[in-house]
Amino acid sequence: MVGVELVADRASKAPFPRALQATERVVAVARGAGLLLYSSTGHVDGRDGDLVMLGPPFVISDEECDLVVERTAAAIASLRSA
């Protein structure tokens, strides 16, 4: 598995407020693009702190890896426009 921490500010690594449901929003956008991500929340203080995780199969091809990275990046980038 590969985990990606979602933060409101990359410099300070400040988490998104739980009320924004960052993980849920990223997972929904990814699902709409045909990519399933695992979600996790509350890792900073038991409440705030968002993660998405990828669990690709061992037989994933290079082309499929590229597609997973593209779709994951697009889903995460969607947080900026909201």
PDB file of N, CA and C in Angstrom:
ATOM      1  N   MET A   1       0.842  -1.183   0.000  1.00  0.00           N
ATOM      2  CA  MET A   1       0.000   0.000   0.000  1.00  0.00           C
ATOM      3  C   MET A   1       0.886   1.245   0.000  1.00  0.00           C
ATOM      4  N   VAL A   2       0.348   2.280  -0.577  1.00  0.00           N
ATOM      5  CA  VAL A   2       1.021   3.574  -0.626  1.00  0.00           C
ATOM      6  C   VAL A   2       0.067   4.588  -0.013  1.00  0.00           C
ATOM      7  N   GLY A   3       0.540   5.359   0.939  1.00  0.00           N
ATOM      8  CA  GLY A   3      -0.283   6.371   1.581  1.00  0.00           C
ATOM      9  C   GLY A   3       0.110   7.764   1.146  1.00  0.00           C
ATOM     10  N   VAL A   4      -0.886   8.618   0.996  1.00  0.00           N
ATOM     11  CA  VAL A   4      -0.665  10.022   0.644  1.00  0.00           C
ATOM     12  C   VAL A   4      -1.391  10.876   1.675  1.00  0.00           C
ATOM     13  N   GLU A   5      -0.626  11.699   2.401  1.00  0.00           N
ATOM     14  CA  GLU A   5      -1.229  12.591   3.394  1.00  0.00           C
ATOM     15  C   GLU A   5      -1.736  13.843   2.688  1.00  0.00           C
ATOM     16  N   LEU A   6      -2.948  14.226   2.996  1.00  0.00           N
ATOM     17  CA  LEU A   6      -3.553  15.439   2.436  1.00  0.00           C
ATOM     18  C   LEU A   6      -3.436  16.543   3.478  1.00  0.00           C
ATOM     19  N   VAL A   7      -2.790  17.643   3.110  1.00  0.00           N
ATOM     20  CA  VAL A   7      -2.615  18.750   4.043  1.00  0.00           C
ATOM     21  C   VAL A   7      -3.111  20.047   3.431  1.00  0.00           C
ATOM     22  N   ALA A   8      -3.590  20.934   4.275  1.00  0.00           N
ATOM     23  CA  ALA A   8      -4.087  22.235   3.822  1.00  0.00           C
ATOM     24  C   ALA A   8      -2.937  23.143   3.411  1.00  0.00           C
ATOM     25  N   ASP A   9      -1.783  22.999   4.087  1.00  0.00           N
ATOM     26  CA  ASP A   9      -0.613  23.834   3.801  1.00  0.00           C
ATOM     27  C   ASP A   9       0.624  22.942   3.775  1.00  0.00           C
ATOM     28  N   ARG A  10       1.270  22.857   2.620  1.00  0.00           N
ATOM     29  CA  ARG A  10       2.421  21.956   2.479  1.00  0.00           C
ATOM     30  C   ARG A  10       3.612  22.402   3.326  1.00  0.00           C
ATOM     31  N   ALA A  11       3.805  23.696   3.484  1.00  0.00           N
ATOM     32  CA  ALA A  11       4.963  24.187   4.243  1.00  0.00           C
ATOM     33  C   ALA A  11       4.862  23.820   5.724  1.00  0.00           C
ATOM     34  N   SER A  12       3.716  24.079   6.308  1.00  0.00           N
ATOM     35  CA  SER A  12       3.545  23.801   7.742  1.00  0.00           C
ATOM     36  C   SER A  12       2.989  22.406   8.008  1.00  0.00           C
ATOM     37  N   LYS A  13       2.502  21.768   6.956  1.00  0.00           N
ATOM     38  CA  LYS A  13       1.854  20.455   7.049  1.00  0.00           C
ATOM     39  C   LYS A  13       0.601  20.493   7.919  1.00  0.00           C
ATOM     40  N   ALA A  14      -0.019  21.656   7.974  1.00  0.00           N
ATOM     41  CA  ALA A  14      -1.268  21.804   8.737  1.00  0.00           C
ATOM     42  C   ALA A  14      -2.362  20.970   8.078  1.00  0.00           C
ATOM     43  N   PRO A  15      -3.109  20.209   8.870  1.00  0.00           N
ATOM     44  CA  PRO A  15      -4.162  19.370   8.295  1.00  0.00           C
ATOM     45  C   PRO A  15      -5.378  20.191   7.889  1.00  0.00           C
ATOM     46  N   PHE A  16      -6.182  19.585   7.010  1.00  0.00           N
ATOM     47  CA  PHE A  16      -7.478  20.169   6.694  1.00  0.00           C
ATOM     48  C   PHE A  16      -8.372  20.017   7.919  1.00  0.00           C
ATOM     49  N   PRO A  17      -9.243  20.997   8.164  1.00  0.00           N
ATOM     50  CA  PRO A  17     -10.233  20.808   9.233  1.00  0.00           C
ATOM     51  C   PRO A  17     -11.145  19.630   8.869  1.00  0.00           C
ATOM     52  N   ARG A  18     -11.507  18.836   9.833  1.00  0.00           N
ATOM     53  CA  ARG A  18     -12.346  17.659   9.587  1.00  0.00           C
ATOM     54  C   ARG A  18     -13.643  18.025   8.888  1.00  0.00           C
ATOM     55  N   ALA A  19     -14.157  19.216   9.174  1.00  0.00           N
ATOM     56  CA  ALA A  19     -15.428  19.649   8.580  1.00  0.00           C
ATOM     57  C   ALA A  19     -15.366  19.717   7.053  1.00  0.00           C
ATOM     58  N   LEU A  20     -14.184  19.884   6.489  1.00  0.00           N
ATOM     59  CA  LEU A  20     -14.053  19.964   5.023  1.00  0.00           C
ATOM     60  C   LEU A  20     -14.124  18.605   4.347  1.00  0.00           C
ATOM     61  N   GLN A  21     -13.996  17.529   5.093  1.00  0.00           N
ATOM     62  CA  GLN A  21     -14.075  16.167   4.569  1.00  0.00           C
ATOM     63  C   GLN A  21     -13.187  15.978   3.335  1.00  0.00           C
ATOM     64  N   ALA A  22     -11.926  16.372   3.463  1.00  0.00           N
ATOM     65  CA  ALA A  22     -10.988  16.299   2.345  1.00  0.00           C
ATOM     66  C   ALA A  22     -10.843  14.879   1.806  1.00  0.00           C
ATOM     67  N   THR A  23     -10.659  13.919   2.686  1.00  0.00           N
ATOM     68  CA  THR A  23     -10.493  12.540   2.235  1.00  0.00           C
ATOM     69  C   THR A  23     -11.714  12.061   1.466  1.00  0.00           C
ATOM     70  N   GLU A  24     -12.870  12.304   2.006  1.00  0.00           N
ATOM     71  CA  GLU A  24     -14.100  11.845   1.361  1.00  0.00           C
ATOM     72  C   GLU A  24     -14.261  12.474  -0.021  1.00  0.00           C
ATOM     73  N   ARG A  25     -13.887  13.740  -0.151  1.00  0.00           N
ATOM     74  CA  ARG A  25     -13.999  14.428  -1.439  1.00  0.00           C
ATOM     75  C   ARG A  25     -13.030  13.838  -2.457  1.00  0.00           C
ATOM     76  N   VAL A  26     -11.793  13.577  -2.038  1.00  0.00           N
ATOM     77  CA  VAL A  26     -10.805  12.991  -2.950  1.00  0.00           C
ATOM     78  C   VAL A  26     -11.245  11.591  -3.376  1.00  0.00           C
ATOM     79  N   VAL A  27     -11.695  10.793  -2.436  1.00  0.00           N
ATOM     80  CA  VAL A  27     -12.146   9.440  -2.748  1.00  0.00           C
ATOM     81  C   VAL A  27     -13.310   9.475  -3.741  1.00  0.00           C
ATOM     82  N   ALA A  28     -14.233  10.401  -3.573  1.00  0.00           N
ATOM     83  CA  ALA A  28     -15.387  10.505  -4.476  1.00  0.00           C
ATOM     84  C   ALA A  28     -14.950  10.890  -5.891  1.00  0.00           C
ATOM     85  N   VAL A  29     -14.044  11.848  -6.008  1.00  0.00           N
ATOM     86  CA  VAL A  29     -13.565  12.249  -7.333  1.00  0.00           C
ATOM     87  C   VAL A  29     -12.823  11.090  -7.999  1.00  0.00           C
ATOM     88  N   ALA A  30     -11.981  10.407  -7.236  1.00  0.00           N
ATOM     89  CA  ALA A  30     -11.246   9.264  -7.782  1.00  0.00           C
ATOM     90  C   ALA A  30     -12.213   8.166  -8.238  1.00  0.00           C
ATOM     91  N   ARG A  31     -13.215   7.892  -7.427  1.00  0.00           N
ATOM     92  CA  ARG A  31     -14.197   6.864  -7.783  1.00  0.00           C
ATOM     93  C   ARG A  31     -14.906   7.230  -9.078  1.00  0.00           C
ATOM     94  N   GLY A  32     -15.220   8.505  -9.238  1.00  0.00           N
ATOM     95  CA  GLY A  32     -15.854   8.962 -10.469  1.00  0.00           C
ATOM     96  C   GLY A  32     -14.977   8.768 -11.701  1.00  0.00           C
ATOM     97  N   ALA A  33     -13.658   8.716 -11.479  1.00  0.00           N
ATOM     98  CA  ALA A  33     -12.710   8.496 -12.576  1.00  0.00           C
ATOM     99  C   ALA A  33     -12.349   7.015 -12.704  1.00  0.00           C
ATOM    100  N   GLY A  34     -13.027   6.148 -11.946  1.00  0.00           N
ATOM    101  CA  GLY A  34     -12.779   4.722 -12.047  1.00  0.00           C
ATOM    102  C   GLY A  34     -11.641   4.197 -11.193  1.00  0.00           C
ATOM    103  N   LEU A  35     -11.227   4.970 -10.187  1.00  0.00           N
ATOM    104  CA  LEU A  35     -10.126   4.567  -9.309  1.00  0.00           C
ATOM    105  C   LEU A  35     -10.639   4.434  -7.881  1.00  0.00           C
ATOM    106  N   LEU A  36     -10.366   3.308  -7.258  1.00  0.00           N
ATOM    107  CA  LEU A  36     -10.777   3.110  -5.871  1.00  0.00           C
ATOM    108  C   LEU A  36      -9.594   3.383  -4.956  1.00  0.00           C
ATOM    109  N   LEU A  37      -9.796   4.267  -3.988  1.00  0.00           N
ATOM    110  CA  LEU A  37      -8.789   4.593  -2.986  1.00  0.00           C
ATOM    111  C   LEU A  37      -9.333   4.216  -1.621  1.00  0.00           C
ATOM    112  N   TYR A  38      -8.441   3.873  -0.714  1.00  0.00           N
ATOM    113  CA  TYR A  38      -8.807   3.662   0.677  1.00  0.00           C
ATOM    114  C   TYR A  38      -8.712   5.005   1.394  1.00  0.00           C
ATOM    115  N   SER A  39      -9.571   5.222   2.368  1.00  0.00           N
ATOM    116  CA  SER A  39      -9.548   6.484   3.096  1.00  0.00           C
ATOM    117  C   SER A  39      -9.177   6.266   4.561  1.00  0.00           C
ATOM    118  N   SER A  40      -8.606   7.305   5.148  1.00  0.00           N
ATOM    119  CA  SER A  40      -8.285   7.287   6.573  1.00  0.00           C
ATOM    120  C   SER A  40      -8.335   8.720   7.081  1.00  0.00           C
ATOM    121  N   THR A  41      -8.869   8.884   8.268  1.00  0.00           N
ATOM    122  CA  THR A  41      -8.969  10.219   8.854  1.00  0.00           C
ATOM    123  C   THR A  41      -8.569  10.172  10.318  1.00  0.00           C
ATOM    124  N   GLY A  42      -8.263  11.345  10.857  1.00  0.00           N
ATOM    125  CA  GLY A  42      -8.009  11.485  12.281  1.00  0.00           C
ATOM    126  C   GLY A  42      -6.613  11.135  12.738  1.00  0.00           C
ATOM    127  N   HIS A  43      -5.663  11.013  11.842  1.00  0.00           N
ATOM    128  CA  HIS A  43      -4.332  10.569  12.262  1.00  0.00           C
ATOM    129  C   HIS A  43      -3.487  11.661  12.917  1.00  0.00           C
ATOM    130  N   VAL A  44      -3.895  12.928  12.830  1.00  0.00           N
ATOM    131  CA  VAL A  44      -3.103  14.000  13.448  1.00  0.00           C
ATOM    132  C   VAL A  44      -3.408  14.113  14.942  1.00  0.00           C
ATOM    133  N   ASP A  45      -4.690  14.215  15.249  1.00  0.00           N
ATOM    134  CA  ASP A  45      -5.058  14.426  16.655  1.00  0.00           C
ATOM    135  C   ASP A  45      -6.283  13.615  17.070  1.00  0.00           C
ATOM    136  N   GLY A  46      -6.589  12.606  16.312  1.00  0.00           N
ATOM    137  CA  GLY A  46      -7.779  11.815  16.598  1.00  0.00           C
ATOM    138  C   GLY A  46      -9.009  12.332  15.893  1.00  0.00           C
ATOM    139  N   ARG A  47      -8.911  13.520  15.330  1.00  0.00           N
ATOM    140  CA  ARG A  47     -10.033  14.110  14.602  1.00  0.00           C
ATOM    141  C   ARG A  47      -9.584  14.607  13.241  1.00  0.00           C
ATOM    142  N   ASP A  48      -8.645  15.573  13.202  1.00  0.00           N
ATOM    143  CA  ASP A  48      -8.139  16.113  11.938  1.00  0.00           C
ATOM    144  C   ASP A  48      -7.022  15.215  11.405  1.00  0.00           C
ATOM    145  N   GLY A  49      -6.780  15.353  10.127  1.00  0.00           N
ATOM    146  CA  GLY A  49      -5.728  14.575   9.488  1.00  0.00           C
ATOM    147  C   GLY A  49      -6.322  13.616   8.476  1.00  0.00           C
ATOM    148  N   ASP A  50      -5.962  13.792   7.216  1.00  0.00           N
ATOM    149  CA  ASP A  50      -6.552  13.018   6.127  1.00  0.00           C
ATOM    150  C   ASP A  50      -5.481  12.255   5.355  1.00  0.00           C
ATOM    151  N   LEU A  51      -5.819  11.024   4.994  1.00  0.00           N
ATOM    152  CA  LEU A  51      -4.959  10.190   4.155  1.00  0.00           C
ATOM    153  C   LEU A  51      -5.801   9.509   3.093  1.00  0.00           C
ATOM    154  N   VAL A  52      -5.201   9.278   1.943  1.00  0.00           N
ATOM    155  CA  VAL A  52      -5.749   8.328   0.980  1.00  0.00           C
ATOM    156  C   VAL A  52      -4.662   7.301   0.734  1.00  0.00           C
ATOM    157  N   MET A  53      -5.076   6.074   0.493  1.00  0.00           N
ATOM    158  CA  MET A  53      -4.122   4.994   0.296  1.00  0.00           C
ATOM    159  C   MET A  53      -4.472   4.229  -0.966  1.00  0.00           C
ATOM    160  N   LEU A  54      -3.418   3.796  -1.642  1.00  0.00           N
ATOM    161  CA  LEU A  54      -3.568   2.997  -2.851  1.00  0.00           C
ATOM    162  C   LEU A  54      -3.101   1.588  -2.538  1.00  0.00           C
ATOM    163  N   GLY A  55      -3.798   0.615  -3.057  1.00  0.00           N
ATOM    164  CA  GLY A  55      -3.427  -0.782  -2.871  1.00  0.00           C
ATOM    165  C   GLY A  55      -3.431  -1.502  -4.202  1.00  0.00           C
ATOM    166  N   PRO A  56      -2.477  -1.168  -5.070  1.00  0.00           N
ATOM    167  CA  PRO A  56      -2.476  -1.786  -6.401  1.00  0.00           C
ATOM    168  C   PRO A  56      -2.128  -3.274  -6.337  1.00  0.00           C
ATOM    169  N   PRO A  57      -2.600  -4.043  -7.303  1.00  0.00           N
ATOM    170  CA  PRO A  57      -2.251  -5.460  -7.328  1.00  0.00           C
ATOM    171  C   PRO A  57      -0.780  -5.652  -7.698  1.00  0.00           C
ATOM    172  N   PHE A  58      -0.224  -6.779  -7.332  1.00  0.00           N
ATOM    173  CA  PHE A  58       1.173  -7.062  -7.656  1.00  0.00           C
ATOM    174  C   PHE A  58       1.407  -7.169  -9.162  1.00  0.00           C
ATOM    175  N   VAL A  59       0.373  -7.430  -9.922  1.00  0.00           N
ATOM    176  CA  VAL A  59       0.519  -7.627 -11.368  1.00  0.00           C
ATOM    177  C   VAL A  59       0.191  -6.366 -12.170  1.00  0.00           C
ATOM    178  N   ILE A  60       0.189  -5.211 -11.529  1.00  0.00           N
ATOM    179  CA  ILE A  60      -0.132  -3.966 -12.225  1.00  0.00           C
ATOM    180  C   ILE A  60       0.959  -3.662 -13.264  1.00  0.00           C
ATOM    181  N   SER A  61       0.522  -3.192 -14.430  1.00  0.00           N
ATOM    182  CA  SER A  61       1.473  -2.868 -15.501  1.00  0.00           C
ATOM    183  C   SER A  61       1.983  -1.437 -15.332  1.00  0.00           C
ATOM    184  N   ASP A  62       3.052  -1.113 -16.054  1.00  0.00           N
ATOM    185  CA  ASP A  62       3.580   0.252 -16.015  1.00  0.00           C
ATOM    186  C   ASP A  62       2.539   1.251 -16.483  1.00  0.00           C
ATOM    187  N   GLU A  63       1.793   0.900 -17.528  1.00  0.00           N
ATOM    188  CA  GLU A  63       0.759   1.798 -18.049  1.00  0.00           C
ATOM    189  C   GLU A  63      -0.344   2.017 -17.018  1.00  0.00           C
ATOM    190  N   GLU A  64      -0.719   0.960 -16.318  1.00  0.00           N
ATOM    191  CA  GLU A  64      -1.742   1.080 -15.283  1.00  0.00           C
ATOM    192  C   GLU A  64      -1.233   1.925 -14.113  1.00  0.00           C
ATOM    193  N   CYS A  65       0.049   1.779 -13.775  1.00  0.00           N
ATOM    194  CA  CYS A  65       0.640   2.618 -12.719  1.00  0.00           C
ATOM    195  C   CYS A  65       0.558   4.082 -13.098  1.00  0.00           C
ATOM    196  N   ASP A  66       0.881   4.389 -14.344  1.00  0.00           N
ATOM    197  CA  ASP A  66       0.794   5.766 -14.816  1.00  0.00           C
ATOM    198  C   ASP A  66      -0.629   6.298 -14.679  1.00  0.00           C
ATOM    199  N   LEU A  67      -1.597   5.482 -15.035  1.00  0.00           N
ATOM    200  CA  LEU A  67      -3.004   5.881 -14.947  1.00  0.00           C
ATOM    201  C   LEU A  67      -3.422   6.111 -13.494  1.00  0.00           C
ATOM    202  N   VAL A  68      -2.987   5.246 -12.596  1.00  0.00           N
ATOM    203  CA  VAL A  68      -3.302   5.402 -11.170  1.00  0.00           C
ATOM    204  C   VAL A  68      -2.722   6.711 -10.647  1.00  0.00           C
ATOM    205  N   VAL A  69      -1.486   7.011 -11.000  1.00  0.00           N
ATOM    206  CA  VAL A  69      -0.845   8.250 -10.543  1.00  0.00           C
ATOM    207  C   VAL A  69      -1.594   9.462 -11.100  1.00  0.00           C
ATOM    208  N   GLU A  70      -1.924   9.440 -12.385  1.00  0.00           N
ATOM    209  CA  GLU A  70      -2.652  10.554 -13.001  1.00  0.00           C
ATOM    210  C   GLU A  70      -3.999  10.787 -12.317  1.00  0.00           C
ATOM    211  N   ARG A  71      -4.745   9.719 -12.113  1.00  0.00           N
ATOM    212  CA  ARG A  71      -6.081   9.856 -11.522  1.00  0.00           C
ATOM    213  C   ARG A  71      -6.013  10.261 -10.053  1.00  0.00           C
ATOM    214  N   THR A  72      -5.021   9.753  -9.338  1.00  0.00           N
ATOM    215  CA  THR A  72      -4.850  10.148  -7.938  1.00  0.00           C
ATOM    216  C   THR A  72      -4.484  11.625  -7.848  1.00  0.00           C
ATOM    217  N   ALA A  73      -3.546  12.067  -8.681  1.00  0.00           N
ATOM    218  CA  ALA A  73      -3.133  13.477  -8.680  1.00  0.00           C
ATOM    219  C   ALA A  73      -4.304  14.382  -9.035  1.00  0.00           C
ATOM    220  N   ALA A  74      -5.112  13.986 -10.004  1.00  0.00           N
ATOM    221  CA  ALA A  74      -6.269  14.801 -10.392  1.00  0.00           C
ATOM    222  C   ALA A  74      -7.288  14.877  -9.257  1.00  0.00           C
ATOM    223  N   ALA A  75      -7.503  13.766  -8.577  1.00  0.00           N
ATOM    224  CA  ALA A  75      -8.460  13.755  -7.457  1.00  0.00           C
ATOM    225  C   ALA A  75      -7.979  14.659  -6.334  1.00  0.00           C
ATOM    226  N   ILE A  76      -6.681  14.612  -6.034  1.00  0.00           N
ATOM    227  CA  ILE A  76      -6.135  15.469  -4.985  1.00  0.00           C
ATOM    228  C   ILE A  76      -6.179  16.938  -5.413  1.00  0.00           C
ATOM    229  N   ALA A  77      -5.871  17.206  -6.673  1.00  0.00           N
ATOM    230  CA  ALA A  77      -5.909  18.584  -7.184  1.00  0.00           C
ATOM    231  C   ALA A  77      -7.319  19.169  -7.111  1.00  0.00           C
ATOM    232  N   SER A  78      -8.329  18.320  -7.123  1.00  0.00           N
ATOM    233  CA  SER A  78      -9.705  18.827  -7.051  1.00  0.00           C
ATOM    234  C   SER A  78      -9.988  19.542  -5.741  1.00  0.00           C
ATOM    235  N   LEU A  79      -9.174  19.304  -4.703  1.00  0.00           N
ATOM    236  CA  LEU A  79      -9.350  20.016  -3.435  1.00  0.00           C
ATOM    237  C   LEU A  79      -9.088  21.509  -3.581  1.00  0.00           C
ATOM    238  N   ARG A  80      -8.210  21.870  -4.499  1.00  0.00           N
ATOM    239  CA  ARG A  80      -7.881  23.294  -4.707  1.00  0.00           C
ATOM    240  C   ARG A  80      -9.039  24.071  -5.297  1.00  0.00           C
ATOM    241  N   SER A  81      -9.854  23.402  -6.104  1.00  0.00           N
ATOM    242  CA  SER A  81     -10.928  24.109  -6.785  1.00  0.00           C
ATOM    243  C   SER A  81     -12.210  24.173  -5.978  1.00  0.00           C
ATOM    244  N   ALA A  82     -12.200  23.522  -4.844  1.00  0.00           N
ATOM    245  CA  ALA A  82     -13.443  23.516  -4.034  1.00  0.00           C
ATOM    246  C   ALA A  82     -13.416  24.584  -2.970  1.00  0.00           C
TER     247      ALA A  82
END
